[in-house]
Amino acid sequence: MTSTAADQTSPGSAAIPVLTIHDETSERQDLAKRAEVKYALDVADIGKLRSNLATNCRRQVHNNPVSVVRSIYFDDAALSSCHANLDGIGSRRKLRLRWYDTLAPRNEFYLEIKWRETRVTGKHRLKVQSTKPVEQMTWSELYALLDPVVPEHFRCALLRFPEPIIIVQYDREHFTSLDGQLRMTLDYNLTYYDQVGTTRVSTRFPQRLGDLVVVEGKVPVGHEPDLRRLLHPFVPRATRCSKYVHGCSLLNHVHFVD
């Protein structure tokens, strides 16, 4: 589904930015419903991990062999989304704006609701194209442009999580099983930018999160044990690991002991 915000102009004024929205959720079965397994490891293991994944999987390349992923996470003033994760609440939602391979979001980005119901997770994902770079907008301008054109469940999420909290940034490598059913991502160089109190996207004062490496397995529900063969002979322990929670802790928005 594609929708476009109306272009509005008045004599002597600049055109209001236009957003074109394309809902990818129904086209991407891998987003609709899946299980995720996470492994939190030390950077010292990254060479071994990459070697094992390259041996047991097929490397997937999108624009570059290594993608730089950046996401703005939105929450309310009480950080309810962050605390829901910390408290282990089984049914929860996160709202984020994601883009790739540029320091700040420009004319194309993805608006995502990531949901979890106990062991099952998935994403609602909108591809958004804008005639004005997001980095040049204020937060209030961005919200005002999104509100009339996004589906109702996104509008509810924007109302529920109105505050930009942090940018999460990391390098990501993609791998798939030979049959394409199992996917693994290798994430490292985690870096955060505080957005609390800002009026627009800020990439000042990056904060690096030590030597954490996160491996994520994304599989059809019930196939979680199959991930072990992709990491063989490495046998890491599955764990809870939220990049958003780690960032909120690093920037002193919540107290979190790993």
C-alpha atoms as a PDB file:
ATOM      1  CA  MET A   1       0.000   0.000   0.000  1.00  0.00           C
ATOM      2  CA  THR A   2       1.334   3.432  -0.968  1.00  0.00           C
ATOM      3  CA  SER A   3       0.005   6.803   0.149  1.00  0.00           C
ATOM      4  CA  THR A   4       1.248  10.343  -0.320  1.00  0.00           C
ATOM      5  CA  ALA A   5       0.842  13.409   1.835  1.00  0.00           C
ATOM      6  CA  ALA A   6      -0.664  16.326  -0.064  1.00  0.00           C
ATOM      7  CA  ASP A   7       1.713  19.035  -1.232  1.00  0.00           C
ATOM      8  CA  GLN A   8       0.544  22.379   0.082  1.00  0.00           C
ATOM      9  CA  THR A   9       1.856  25.713  -1.114  1.00  0.00           C
ATOM     10  CA  SER A  10       0.870  29.319  -0.692  1.00  0.00           C
ATOM     11  CA  PRO A  11       2.103  32.340  -2.647  1.00  0.00           C
ATOM     12  CA  GLY A  12       5.524  33.439  -1.454  1.00  0.00           C
ATOM     13  CA  SER A  13       6.039  30.422   0.819  1.00  0.00           C
ATOM     14  CA  ALA A  14       8.077  27.254   0.470  1.00  0.00           C
ATOM     15  CA  ALA A  15       6.266  24.012  -0.282  1.00  0.00           C
ATOM     16  CA  ILE A  16       5.400  21.867   2.703  1.00  0.00           C
ATOM     17  CA  PRO A  17       7.435  18.635   2.469  1.00  0.00           C
ATOM     18  CA  VAL A  18       5.705  15.674   0.868  1.00  0.00           C
ATOM     19  CA  LEU A  19       5.917  12.163   2.329  1.00  0.00           C
ATOM     20  CA  THR A  20       5.294   9.049   0.253  1.00  0.00           C
ATOM     21  CA  ILE A  21       4.450   5.997   2.361  1.00  0.00           C
ATOM     22  CA  HIS A  22       4.762   2.380   1.270  1.00  0.00           C
ATOM     23  CA  ASP A  23       3.694  -0.362   3.681  1.00  0.00           C
ATOM     24  CA  GLU A  24       6.145  -3.280   3.372  1.00  0.00           C
ATOM     25  CA  THR A  25       4.606  -5.431   6.087  1.00  0.00           C
ATOM     26  CA  SER A  26       2.407  -7.599   3.871  1.00  0.00           C
ATOM     27  CA  GLU A  27       5.191  -8.066   1.288  1.00  0.00           C
ATOM     28  CA  ARG A  28       7.825  -9.267   3.747  1.00  0.00           C
ATOM     29  CA  GLN A  29       6.799 -12.568   5.298  1.00  0.00           C
ATOM     30  CA  ASP A  30      10.056 -12.573   7.278  1.00  0.00           C
ATOM     31  CA  LEU A  31       8.789  -9.471   9.101  1.00  0.00           C
ATOM     32  CA  ALA A  32       5.274 -10.712   9.819  1.00  0.00           C
ATOM     33  CA  LYS A  33       5.977 -13.285  12.549  1.00  0.00           C
ATOM     34  CA  ARG A  34       9.167 -14.983  13.688  1.00  0.00           C
ATOM     35  CA  ALA A  35      11.258 -16.023  16.655  1.00  0.00           C
ATOM     36  CA  GLU A  36      14.458 -14.208  17.586  1.00  0.00           C
ATOM     37  CA  VAL A  37      17.389 -15.587  19.540  1.00  0.00           C
ATOM     38  CA  LYS A  38      20.138 -13.250  20.726  1.00  0.00           C
ATOM     39  CA  TYR A  39      23.696 -13.924  21.841  1.00  0.00           C
ATOM     40  CA  ALA A  40      25.720 -11.200  23.592  1.00  0.00           C
ATOM     41  CA  LEU A  41      29.464 -11.720  23.192  1.00  0.00           C
ATOM     42  CA  ASP A  42      32.788  -9.965  23.582  1.00  0.00           C
ATOM     43  CA  VAL A  43      34.461  -8.315  20.600  1.00  0.00           C
ATOM     44  CA  ALA A  44      37.394 -10.706  21.053  1.00  0.00           C
ATOM     45  CA  ASP A  45      35.142 -13.441  19.617  1.00  0.00           C
ATOM     46  CA  ILE A  46      34.207 -11.574  16.447  1.00  0.00           C
ATOM     47  CA  GLY A  47      36.819 -13.177  14.192  1.00  0.00           C
ATOM     48  CA  LYS A  48      35.758 -16.668  15.240  1.00  0.00           C
ATOM     49  CA  LEU A  49      32.077 -15.800  14.857  1.00  0.00           C
ATOM     50  CA  ARG A  50      32.545 -14.351  11.387  1.00  0.00           C
ATOM     51  CA  SER A  51      34.573 -17.374  10.299  1.00  0.00           C
ATOM     52  CA  ASN A  52      31.962 -19.842  11.580  1.00  0.00           C
ATOM     53  CA  LEU A  53      29.095 -17.956   9.981  1.00  0.00           C
ATOM     54  CA  ALA A  54      30.939 -17.684   6.665  1.00  0.00           C
ATOM     55  CA  THR A  55      31.559 -21.451   6.739  1.00  0.00           C
ATOM     56  CA  ASN A  56      28.063 -22.531   7.772  1.00  0.00           C
ATOM     57  CA  CYS A  57      25.996 -19.856   6.002  1.00  0.00           C
ATOM     58  CA  ARG A  58      25.755 -17.774   2.881  1.00  0.00           C
ATOM     59  CA  ARG A  59      26.755 -14.135   3.294  1.00  0.00           C
ATOM     60  CA  GLN A  60      24.014 -11.700   2.296  1.00  0.00           C
ATOM     61  CA  VAL A  61      25.069  -8.327   0.881  1.00  0.00           C
ATOM     62  CA  HIS A  62      22.611  -5.457   0.508  1.00  0.00           C
ATOM     63  CA  ASN A  63      24.245  -2.150  -0.460  1.00  0.00           C
ATOM     64  CA  ASN A  64      27.581  -2.888   1.212  1.00  0.00           C
ATOM     65  CA  PRO A  65      29.196  -5.981   2.785  1.00  0.00           C
ATOM     66  CA  VAL A  66      28.865  -4.193   6.134  1.00  0.00           C
ATOM     67  CA  SER A  67      25.746  -2.083   6.682  1.00  0.00           C
ATOM     68  CA  VAL A  68      25.727   0.811   9.126  1.00  0.00           C
ATOM     69  CA  VAL A  69      22.331   0.708  10.833  1.00  0.00           C
ATOM     70  CA  ARG A  70      20.953   3.704  12.707  1.00  0.00           C
ATOM     71  CA  SER A  71      17.624   3.905  14.520  1.00  0.00           C
ATOM     72  CA  ILE A  72      15.934   6.631  16.525  1.00  0.00           C
ATOM     73  CA  TYR A  73      13.934   5.060  19.348  1.00  0.00           C
ATOM     74  CA  PHE A  74      10.836   6.872  20.571  1.00  0.00           C
ATOM     75  CA  ASP A  75       9.252   6.481  23.990  1.00  0.00           C
ATOM     76  CA  ASP A  76       7.184   8.413  26.497  1.00  0.00           C
ATOM     77  CA  ALA A  77       8.578  10.628  29.241  1.00  0.00           C
ATOM     78  CA  ALA A  78       8.563   7.719  31.714  1.00  0.00           C
ATOM     79  CA  LEU A  79      10.460   5.465  29.247  1.00  0.00           C
ATOM     80  CA  SER A  80       7.641   2.922  29.423  1.00  0.00           C
ATOM     81  CA  SER A  81       8.892   0.994  26.383  1.00  0.00           C
ATOM     82  CA  CYS A  82      12.363   0.687  27.889  1.00  0.00           C
ATOM     83  CA  HIS A  83      11.010  -0.387  31.286  1.00  0.00           C
ATOM     84  CA  ALA A  84       8.695  -2.947  29.681  1.00  0.00           C
ATOM     85  CA  ASN A  85      11.802  -4.651  28.326  1.00  0.00           C
ATOM     86  CA  LEU A  86      13.684  -4.361  31.623  1.00  0.00           C
ATOM     87  CA  ASP A  87      10.717  -5.826  33.486  1.00  0.00           C
ATOM     88  CA  GLY A  88      10.405  -8.735  31.049  1.00  0.00           C
ATOM     89  CA  ILE A  89       6.819  -7.906  30.090  1.00  0.00           C
ATOM     90  CA  GLY A  90       5.763 -10.476  27.510  1.00  0.00           C
ATOM     91  CA  SER A  91       3.570  -8.193  25.382  1.00  0.00           C
ATOM     92  CA  ARG A  92       5.368  -5.020  24.328  1.00  0.00           C
ATOM     93  CA  ARG A  93       5.972  -2.565  21.480  1.00  0.00           C
ATOM     94  CA  LYS A  94       8.837  -0.339  20.317  1.00  0.00           C
ATOM     95  CA  LEU A  95       8.651   2.526  17.830  1.00  0.00           C
ATOM     96  CA  ARG A  96      11.707   3.484  15.822  1.00  0.00           C
ATOM     97  CA  LEU A  97      12.800   5.375  12.730  1.00  0.00           C
ATOM     98  CA  ARG A  98      15.541   3.477  10.873  1.00  0.00           C
ATOM     99  CA  TRP A  99      17.927   4.333   8.054  1.00  0.00           C
ATOM    100  CA  TYR A 100      21.165   3.005   6.606  1.00  0.00           C
ATOM    101  CA  ASP A 101      24.700   4.110   5.749  1.00  0.00           C
ATOM    102  CA  THR A 102      24.429   7.880   6.368  1.00  0.00           C
ATOM    103  CA  LEU A 103      25.128   9.645   9.650  1.00  0.00           C
ATOM    104  CA  ALA A 104      21.752  11.422   9.732  1.00  0.00           C
ATOM    105  CA  PRO A 105      18.453  10.447   8.071  1.00  0.00           C
ATOM    106  CA  ARG A 106      17.900  12.070   4.709  1.00  0.00           C
ATOM    107  CA  ASN A 107      15.088  11.573   2.203  1.00  0.00           C
ATOM    108  CA  GLU A 108      14.389   7.865   2.725  1.00  0.00           C
ATOM    109  CA  PHE A 109      13.811   6.036   5.984  1.00  0.00           C
ATOM    110  CA  TYR A 110      11.743   3.279   7.585  1.00  0.00           C
ATOM    111  CA  LEU A 111       9.220   3.731  10.357  1.00  0.00           C
ATOM    112  CA  GLU A 112       8.857   0.520  12.340  1.00  0.00           C
ATOM    113  CA  ILE A 113       6.770  -0.868  15.156  1.00  0.00           C
ATOM    114  CA  LYS A 114       8.540  -3.886  16.601  1.00  0.00           C
ATOM    115  CA  TRP A 115       6.175  -6.062  18.626  1.00  0.00           C
ATOM    116  CA  ARG A 116       6.618  -9.047  20.896  1.00  0.00           C
ATOM    117  CA  GLU A 117       4.106 -11.521  22.289  1.00  0.00           C
ATOM    118  CA  THR A 118       6.116 -13.814  24.622  1.00  0.00           C
ATOM    119  CA  ARG A 119       8.387 -15.843  22.273  1.00  0.00           C
ATOM    120  CA  VAL A 120       6.964 -14.520  19.001  1.00  0.00           C
ATOM    121  CA  THR A 121       8.058 -11.225  17.471  1.00  0.00           C
ATOM    122  CA  GLY A 122       7.550  -9.263  14.281  1.00  0.00           C
ATOM    123  CA  LYS A 123       7.591  -5.823  12.678  1.00  0.00           C
ATOM    124  CA  HIS A 124       5.185  -3.452  11.004  1.00  0.00           C
ATOM    125  CA  ARG A 125       7.351  -1.493   8.570  1.00  0.00           C
ATOM    126  CA  LEU A 126       6.699   1.588   6.437  1.00  0.00           C
ATOM    127  CA  LYS A 127       9.127   2.802   3.797  1.00  0.00           C
ATOM    128  CA  VAL A 128       8.949   6.601   3.808  1.00  0.00           C
ATOM    129  CA  GLN A 129      10.304   8.950   1.164  1.00  0.00           C
ATOM    130  CA  SER A 130      10.373  12.677   1.857  1.00  0.00           C
ATOM    131  CA  THR A 131      10.990  15.687  -0.361  1.00  0.00           C
ATOM    132  CA  LYS A 132      12.819  17.270   2.586  1.00  0.00           C
ATOM    133  CA  PRO A 133      15.650  15.500   4.449  1.00  0.00           C
ATOM    134  CA  VAL A 134      14.606  14.399   7.922  1.00  0.00           C
ATOM    135  CA  GLU A 135      17.807  15.864   9.372  1.00  0.00           C
ATOM    136  CA  GLN A 136      16.484  19.325   8.400  1.00  0.00           C
ATOM    137  CA  MET A 137      13.129  18.868  10.167  1.00  0.00           C
ATOM    138  CA  THR A 138      12.195  19.541  13.762  1.00  0.00           C
ATOM    139  CA  TRP A 139      10.617  16.672  15.664  1.00  0.00           C
ATOM    140  CA  SER A 140       7.266  18.467  15.732  1.00  0.00           C
ATOM    141  CA  GLU A 141       7.424  18.986  11.958  1.00  0.00           C
ATOM    142  CA  LEU A 142       8.198  15.306  11.377  1.00  0.00           C
ATOM    143  CA  TYR A 143       5.337  14.152  13.614  1.00  0.00           C
ATOM    144  CA  ALA A 144       2.925  16.595  11.959  1.00  0.00           C
ATOM    145  CA  LEU A 145       3.841  15.242   8.515  1.00  0.00           C
ATOM    146  CA  LEU A 146       3.560  11.591   9.542  1.00  0.00           C
ATOM    147  CA  ASP A 147       0.297  11.816  11.470  1.00  0.00           C
ATOM    148  CA  PRO A 148      -2.152  12.262   8.554  1.00  0.00           C
ATOM    149  CA  VAL A 149      -0.594   9.681   6.224  1.00  0.00           C
ATOM    150  CA  VAL A 150       0.428   6.671   8.335  1.00  0.00           C
ATOM    151  CA  PRO A 151      -1.946   3.759   9.111  1.00  0.00           C
ATOM    152  CA  GLU A 152      -3.972   3.979  12.312  1.00  0.00           C
ATOM    153  CA  HIS A 153      -1.762   1.603  14.338  1.00  0.00           C
ATOM    154  CA  PHE A 154       1.259   3.795  13.549  1.00  0.00           C
ATOM    155  CA  ARG A 155      -0.685   6.916  14.492  1.00  0.00           C
ATOM    156  CA  CYS A 156      -1.485   5.308  17.848  1.00  0.00           C
ATOM    157  CA  ALA A 157       2.200   4.448  18.349  1.00  0.00           C
ATOM    158  CA  LEU A 158       3.234   8.032  17.552  1.00  0.00           C
ATOM    159  CA  LEU A 159       0.780   9.264  20.191  1.00  0.00           C
ATOM    160  CA  ARG A 160       1.910   6.660  22.708  1.00  0.00           C
ATOM    161  CA  PHE A 161       5.644   7.271  22.188  1.00  0.00           C
ATOM    162  CA  PRO A 162       6.009  10.993  21.395  1.00  0.00           C
ATOM    163  CA  GLU A 163       9.568  11.549  22.636  1.00  0.00           C
ATOM    164  CA  PRO A 164      12.808  10.846  20.715  1.00  0.00           C
ATOM    165  CA  ILE A 165      15.150   9.210  23.243  1.00  0.00           C
ATOM    166  CA  ILE A 166      18.320   7.884  21.583  1.00  0.00           C
ATOM    167  CA  ILE A 167      19.933   6.976  18.285  1.00  0.00           C
ATOM    168  CA  VAL A 168      21.315   3.436  18.228  1.00  0.00           C
ATOM    169  CA  GLN A 169      24.099   2.884  15.680  1.00  0.00           C
ATOM    170  CA  TYR A 170      26.024  -0.280  14.803  1.00  0.00           C
ATOM    171  CA  ASP A 171      27.764  -2.152  12.014  1.00  0.00           C
ATOM    172  CA  ARG A 172      25.844  -5.185  10.754  1.00  0.00           C
ATOM    173  CA  GLU A 173      26.789  -8.205   8.638  1.00  0.00           C
ATOM    174  CA  HIS A 174      24.063 -10.486   7.242  1.00  0.00           C
ATOM    175  CA  PHE A 175      24.102 -14.273   6.838  1.00  0.00           C
ATOM    176  CA  THR A 176      21.471 -16.840   5.815  1.00  0.00           C
ATOM    177  CA  SER A 177      21.309 -20.616   5.931  1.00  0.00           C
ATOM    178  CA  LEU A 178      21.800 -22.328   2.573  1.00  0.00           C
ATOM    179  CA  ASP A 179      18.045 -22.947   2.293  1.00  0.00           C
ATOM    180  CA  GLY A 180      17.292 -19.311   3.161  1.00  0.00           C
ATOM    181  CA  GLN A 181      15.039 -20.201   6.103  1.00  0.00           C
ATOM    182  CA  LEU A 182      17.342 -19.042   8.907  1.00  0.00           C
ATOM    183  CA  ARG A 183      18.921 -15.602   9.141  1.00  0.00           C
ATOM    184  CA  MET A 184      21.766 -14.402  11.330  1.00  0.00           C
ATOM    185  CA  THR A 185      23.098 -10.900  11.853  1.00  0.00           C
ATOM    186  CA  LEU A 186      26.426  -9.934  13.398  1.00  0.00           C
ATOM    187  CA  ASP A 187      26.256  -6.506  15.080  1.00  0.00           C
ATOM    188  CA  TYR A 188      29.198  -4.601  16.555  1.00  0.00           C
ATOM    189  CA  ASN A 189      30.655  -1.099  17.118  1.00  0.00           C
ATOM    190  CA  LEU A 190      27.545  -0.093  19.066  1.00  0.00           C
ATOM    191  CA  THR A 191      27.360   3.688  19.457  1.00  0.00           C
ATOM    192  CA  TYR A 192      24.656   5.929  20.918  1.00  0.00           C
ATOM    193  CA  TYR A 193      23.556   9.555  20.555  1.00  0.00           C
ATOM    194  CA  ASP A 194      21.290  11.165  23.140  1.00  0.00           C
ATOM    195  CA  GLN A 195      18.159  12.814  21.710  1.00  0.00           C
ATOM    196  CA  VAL A 196      16.463  13.866  24.955  1.00  0.00           C
ATOM    197  CA  GLY A 197      15.866  17.607  24.973  1.00  0.00           C
ATOM    198  CA  THR A 198      16.747  18.067  21.301  1.00  0.00           C
ATOM    199  CA  THR A 199      14.549  19.843  18.760  1.00  0.00           C
ATOM    200  CA  ARG A 200      15.788  17.811  15.777  1.00  0.00           C
ATOM    201  CA  VAL A 201      18.106  14.879  15.001  1.00  0.00           C
ATOM    202  CA  SER A 202      21.413  15.276  16.846  1.00  0.00           C
ATOM    203  CA  THR A 203      24.584  13.328  16.051  1.00  0.00           C
ATOM    204  CA  ARG A 204      26.743  15.220  18.547  1.00  0.00           C
ATOM    205  CA  PHE A 205      28.645  13.533  21.376  1.00  0.00           C
ATOM    206  CA  PRO A 206      28.628   9.852  20.325  1.00  0.00           C
ATOM    207  CA  GLN A 207      28.983   7.362  23.183  1.00  0.00           C
ATOM    208  CA  ARG A 208      30.560   3.979  22.421  1.00  0.00           C
ATOM    209  CA  LEU A 209      29.366   0.832  24.216  1.00  0.00           C
ATOM    210  CA  GLY A 210      32.599  -0.973  25.016  1.00  0.00           C
ATOM    211  CA  ASP A 211      33.260  -4.274  23.294  1.00  0.00           C
ATOM    212  CA  LEU A 212      29.773  -5.760  23.025  1.00  0.00           C
ATOM    213  CA  VAL A 213      28.967  -7.911  19.982  1.00  0.00           C
ATOM    214  CA  VAL A 214      25.392  -9.074  19.389  1.00  0.00           C
ATOM    215  CA  VAL A 215      24.482 -12.036  17.195  1.00  0.00           C
ATOM    216  CA  GLU A 216      20.791 -12.277  16.346  1.00  0.00           C
ATOM    217  CA  GLY A 217      19.076 -15.317  14.881  1.00  0.00           C
ATOM    218  CA  LYS A 218      15.764 -14.771  13.091  1.00  0.00           C
ATOM    219  CA  VAL A 219      13.871 -17.977  12.367  1.00  0.00           C
ATOM    220  CA  PRO A 220      10.362 -19.352  11.816  1.00  0.00           C
ATOM    221  CA  VAL A 221       8.672 -20.023  15.150  1.00  0.00           C
ATOM    222  CA  GLY A 222       9.691 -23.454  16.456  1.00  0.00           C
ATOM    223  CA  HIS A 223      12.999 -23.591  14.578  1.00  0.00           C
ATOM    224  CA  GLU A 224      15.143 -21.883  17.212  1.00  0.00           C
ATOM    225  CA  PRO A 225      17.299 -25.014  17.883  1.00  0.00           C
ATOM    226  CA  ASP A 226      18.331 -25.022  14.199  1.00  0.00           C
ATOM    227  CA  LEU A 227      20.445 -21.917  14.807  1.00  0.00           C
ATOM    228  CA  ARG A 228      23.085 -23.957  16.637  1.00  0.00           C
ATOM    229  CA  ARG A 229      24.357 -25.502  13.418  1.00  0.00           C
ATOM    230  CA  LEU A 230      24.987 -22.048  11.938  1.00  0.00           C
ATOM    231  CA  LEU A 231      27.337 -21.155  14.802  1.00  0.00           C
ATOM    232  CA  HIS A 232      29.010 -24.578  15.099  1.00  0.00           C
ATOM    233  CA  PRO A 233      31.476 -25.260  16.667  1.00  0.00           C
ATOM    234  CA  PHE A 234      30.970 -22.072  18.679  1.00  0.00           C
ATOM    235  CA  VAL A 235      28.364 -22.610  21.434  1.00  0.00           C
ATOM    236  CA  PRO A 236      27.312 -19.236  22.860  1.00  0.00           C
ATOM    237  CA  ARG A 237      24.565 -18.912  25.449  1.00  0.00           C
ATOM    238  CA  ALA A 238      21.320 -17.273  24.345  1.00  0.00           C
ATOM    239  CA  THR A 239      20.436 -14.198  26.380  1.00  0.00           C
ATOM    240  CA  ARG A 240      18.154 -11.195  26.540  1.00  0.00           C
ATOM    241  CA  CYS A 241      19.886  -8.226  24.941  1.00  0.00           C
ATOM    242  CA  SER A 242      18.167  -4.985  23.948  1.00  0.00           C
ATOM    243  CA  LYS A 243      20.340  -2.414  22.197  1.00  0.00           C
ATOM    244  CA  TYR A 244      17.810   0.231  23.204  1.00  0.00           C
ATOM    245  CA  VAL A 245      18.009  -0.679  26.900  1.00  0.00           C
ATOM    246  CA  HIS A 246      21.818  -0.777  26.788  1.00  0.00           C
ATOM    247  CA  GLY A 247      21.821   2.699  25.261  1.00  0.00           C
ATOM    248  CA  CYS A 248      19.407   4.129  27.813  1.00  0.00           C
ATOM    249  CA  SER A 249      21.653   2.752  30.546  1.00  0.00           C
ATOM    250  CA  LEU A 250      24.849   4.086  28.968  1.00  0.00           C
ATOM    251  CA  LEU A 251      23.312   7.563  28.690  1.00  0.00           C
ATOM    252  CA  ASN A 252      22.026   7.385  32.294  1.00  0.00           C
ATOM    253  CA  HIS A 253      18.325   7.387  31.433  1.00  0.00           C
ATOM    254  CA  VAL A 254      17.752   4.111  33.326  1.00  0.00           C
ATOM    255  CA  HIS A 255      19.709   2.020  35.800  1.00  0.00           C
ATOM    256  CA  PHE A 256      20.510  -1.358  34.305  1.00  0.00           C
ATOM    257  CA  VAL A 257      22.943  -4.032  35.497  1.00  0.00           C
ATOM    258  CA  ASP A 258      23.743  -6.626  32.814  1.00  0.00           C
END
